[in-house]
Amino acid sequence: MARLIWSQPALFDLEEIVEYIALDSPSAASRYLREVFRAVVRLKRYPNSGRQPEELPATPYREVIVPPCRIFYRAEADAVFILHVMRSERLLRSFLLEQRDHDL
């Protein structure tokens, strides 16, 4: 069984999304967080069960969809690295460029 390793950016992304949902409904935010963790924990047993993002063909990256978000990860021999969580309507290319500019 693979270990799950959340990156700091992924945790920050998820925290922002859950906080936004909580503005309208704390209980919905809590349910959503449980749903995300339930979807991601499945990757411990089935690390390649997510689909390959159409924007990132021929890469080691995969995604799990938990509407309204996409959870990006990379699986290695004994670990699954959760890399980013983003809202589905955001364009991945723009999102990655924003992250790169922020990190510079």
C-alpha atoms as a PDB file:
ATOM      1  CA  MET A   1       0.000   0.000   0.000  1.00  0.00           C
ATOM      2  CA  ALA A   2       1.347   3.421  -0.960  1.00  0.00           C
ATOM      3  CA  ARG A   3       1.838   6.313   1.467  1.00  0.00           C
ATOM      4  CA  LEU A   4      -0.081   9.541   0.833  1.00  0.00           C
ATOM      5  CA  ILE A   5       2.039  12.665   0.960  1.00  0.00           C
ATOM      6  CA  TRP A   6       0.304  16.033   0.683  1.00  0.00           C
ATOM      7  CA  SER A   7       2.384  18.933  -0.607  1.00  0.00           C
ATOM      8  CA  GLN A   8       2.082  22.268   1.173  1.00  0.00           C
ATOM      9  CA  PRO A   9       0.588  23.926  -1.953  1.00  0.00           C
ATOM     10  CA  ALA A  10      -2.080  21.211  -2.182  1.00  0.00           C
ATOM     11  CA  LEU A  11      -3.027  21.620   1.474  1.00  0.00           C
ATOM     12  CA  PHE A  12      -3.164  25.396   1.044  1.00  0.00           C
ATOM     13  CA  ASP A  13      -5.344  25.040  -2.094  1.00  0.00           C
ATOM     14  CA  LEU A  14      -7.739  22.729  -0.288  1.00  0.00           C
ATOM     15  CA  GLU A  15      -7.887  24.966   2.768  1.00  0.00           C
ATOM     16  CA  GLU A  16      -8.825  27.987   0.635  1.00  0.00           C
ATOM     17  CA  ILE A  17     -11.563  26.068  -1.162  1.00  0.00           C
ATOM     18  CA  VAL A  18     -13.036  24.663   2.061  1.00  0.00           C
ATOM     19  CA  GLU A  19     -12.943  28.091   3.729  1.00  0.00           C
ATOM     20  CA  TYR A  20     -14.817  29.571   0.768  1.00  0.00           C
ATOM     21  CA  ILE A  21     -17.507  26.880   0.974  1.00  0.00           C
ATOM     22  CA  ALA A  22     -17.742  27.437   4.748  1.00  0.00           C
ATOM     23  CA  LEU A  23     -18.710  31.082   4.201  1.00  0.00           C
ATOM     24  CA  ASP A  24     -22.126  29.844   3.071  1.00  0.00           C
ATOM     25  CA  SER A  25     -22.314  26.516   4.851  1.00  0.00           C
ATOM     26  CA  PRO A  26     -19.856  25.158   7.413  1.00  0.00           C
ATOM     27  CA  SER A  27     -21.542  21.763   7.282  1.00  0.00           C
ATOM     28  CA  ALA A  28     -21.178  21.604   3.480  1.00  0.00           C
ATOM     29  CA  ALA A  29     -17.508  22.516   3.853  1.00  0.00           C
ATOM     30  CA  SER A  30     -17.016  19.702   6.329  1.00  0.00           C
ATOM     31  CA  ARG A  31     -18.798  17.216   4.053  1.00  0.00           C
ATOM     32  CA  TYR A  32     -16.708  18.323   1.094  1.00  0.00           C
ATOM     33  CA  LEU A  33     -13.460  17.908   3.029  1.00  0.00           C
ATOM     34  CA  ARG A  34     -14.470  14.365   4.032  1.00  0.00           C
ATOM     35  CA  GLU A  35     -15.348  13.597   0.407  1.00  0.00           C
ATOM     36  CA  VAL A  36     -11.935  14.801  -0.793  1.00  0.00           C
ATOM     37  CA  PHE A  37     -10.074  12.736   1.790  1.00  0.00           C
ATOM     38  CA  ARG A  38     -12.212   9.676   0.977  1.00  0.00           C
ATOM     39  CA  ALA A  39     -11.387  10.035  -2.741  1.00  0.00           C
ATOM     40  CA  VAL A  40      -7.682  10.539  -2.087  1.00  0.00           C
ATOM     41  CA  VAL A  41      -7.283   7.712   0.436  1.00  0.00           C
ATOM     42  CA  ARG A  42      -8.386   5.309  -2.313  1.00  0.00           C
ATOM     43  CA  LEU A  43      -5.081   6.136  -4.033  1.00  0.00           C
ATOM     44  CA  LYS A  44      -3.203   4.270  -1.303  1.00  0.00           C
ATOM     45  CA  ARG A  45      -4.482   0.989  -2.764  1.00  0.00           C
ATOM     46  CA  TYR A  46      -5.074   2.068  -6.354  1.00  0.00           C
ATOM     47  CA  PRO A  47      -2.499   4.773  -7.128  1.00  0.00           C
ATOM     48  CA  ASN A  48      -3.157   4.731 -10.858  1.00  0.00           C
ATOM     49  CA  SER A  49      -6.939   4.865 -10.575  1.00  0.00           C
ATOM     50  CA  GLY A  50      -7.102   8.567 -11.377  1.00  0.00           C
ATOM     51  CA  ARG A  51      -7.268   9.687 -14.959  1.00  0.00           C
ATOM     52  CA  GLN A  52      -4.501  11.383 -16.895  1.00  0.00           C
ATOM     53  CA  PRO A  53      -5.283  15.109 -17.282  1.00  0.00           C
ATOM     54  CA  GLU A  54      -5.958  15.858 -20.942  1.00  0.00           C
ATOM     55  CA  GLU A  55      -3.781  18.978 -20.664  1.00  0.00           C
ATOM     56  CA  LEU A  56      -0.802  16.883 -19.498  1.00  0.00           C
ATOM     57  CA  PRO A  57      -0.520  13.934 -21.881  1.00  0.00           C
ATOM     58  CA  ALA A  58       2.513  11.663 -21.631  1.00  0.00           C
ATOM     59  CA  THR A  59       3.374  12.855 -18.116  1.00  0.00           C
ATOM     60  CA  PRO A  60       3.386  10.980 -14.804  1.00  0.00           C
ATOM     61  CA  TYR A  61       0.611  13.212 -13.449  1.00  0.00           C
ATOM     62  CA  ARG A  62      -2.908  12.004 -12.779  1.00  0.00           C
ATOM     63  CA  GLU A  63      -6.043  13.550 -11.332  1.00  0.00           C
ATOM     64  CA  VAL A  64      -9.033  12.681  -9.217  1.00  0.00           C
ATOM     65  CA  ILE A  65     -12.196  14.705  -9.675  1.00  0.00           C
ATOM     66  CA  VAL A  66     -14.234  15.692  -6.633  1.00  0.00           C
ATOM     67  CA  PRO A  67     -16.590  18.326  -8.030  1.00  0.00           C
ATOM     68  CA  PRO A  68     -16.027  21.188  -8.202  1.00  0.00           C
ATOM     69  CA  CYS A  69     -12.306  20.406  -7.914  1.00  0.00           C
ATOM     70  CA  ARG A  70      -9.522  18.525  -9.603  1.00  0.00           C
ATOM     71  CA  ILE A  71      -6.881  16.933  -7.375  1.00  0.00           C
ATOM     72  CA  PHE A  72      -3.548  16.436  -9.142  1.00  0.00           C
ATOM     73  CA  TYR A  73      -1.074  13.827  -8.002  1.00  0.00           C
ATOM     74  CA  ARG A  74       1.926  11.741  -9.015  1.00  0.00           C
ATOM     75  CA  ALA A  75       2.353   8.107  -8.009  1.00  0.00           C
ATOM     76  CA  GLU A  76       5.758   6.568  -7.388  1.00  0.00           C
ATOM     77  CA  ALA A  77       6.812   3.128  -6.195  1.00  0.00           C
ATOM     78  CA  ASP A  78       5.590   3.416  -2.602  1.00  0.00           C
ATOM     79  CA  ALA A  79       4.117   6.910  -2.393  1.00  0.00           C
ATOM     80  CA  VAL A  80       1.399   9.093  -3.872  1.00  0.00           C
ATOM     81  CA  PHE A  81       2.216  12.800  -3.869  1.00  0.00           C
ATOM     82  CA  ILE A  82      -0.820  15.104  -3.815  1.00  0.00           C
ATOM     83  CA  LEU A  83       0.438  18.172  -5.671  1.00  0.00           C
ATOM     84  CA  HIS A  84      -2.400  20.634  -6.297  1.00  0.00           C
ATOM     85  CA  VAL A  85      -6.116  21.083  -5.803  1.00  0.00           C
ATOM     86  CA  MET A  86      -7.904  23.478  -8.117  1.00  0.00           C
ATOM     87  CA  ARG A  87     -11.433  24.382  -9.071  1.00  0.00           C
ATOM     88  CA  SER A  88     -12.502  22.643 -12.275  1.00  0.00           C
ATOM     89  CA  GLU A  89     -13.424  25.807 -14.124  1.00  0.00           C
ATOM     90  CA  ARG A  90      -9.903  27.222 -13.864  1.00  0.00           C
ATOM     91  CA  LEU A  91      -7.672  26.576 -16.829  1.00  0.00           C
ATOM     92  CA  LEU A  92      -4.781  24.341 -15.832  1.00  0.00           C
ATOM     93  CA  ARG A  93      -2.185  26.147 -17.939  1.00  0.00           C
ATOM     94  CA  SER A  94      -3.055  29.534 -16.418  1.00  0.00           C
ATOM     95  CA  PHE A  95      -3.100  28.005 -12.948  1.00  0.00           C
ATOM     96  CA  LEU A  96       0.362  26.486 -13.355  1.00  0.00           C
ATOM     97  CA  LEU A  97       1.788  29.717 -14.744  1.00  0.00           C
ATOM     98  CA  GLU A  98       0.342  31.657 -11.783  1.00  0.00           C
ATOM     99  CA  GLN A  99       1.935  29.168  -9.389  1.00  0.00           C
ATOM    100  CA  ARG A 100       5.289  29.425 -11.156  1.00  0.00           C
ATOM    101  CA  ASP A 101       5.229  33.229 -11.041  1.00  0.00           C
ATOM    102  CA  HIS A 102       4.253  33.145  -7.358  1.00  0.00           C
ATOM    103  CA  ASP A 103       7.150  30.810  -6.540  1.00  0.00           C
ATOM    104  CA  LEU A 104       9.743  33.020  -8.271  1.00  0.00           C
END
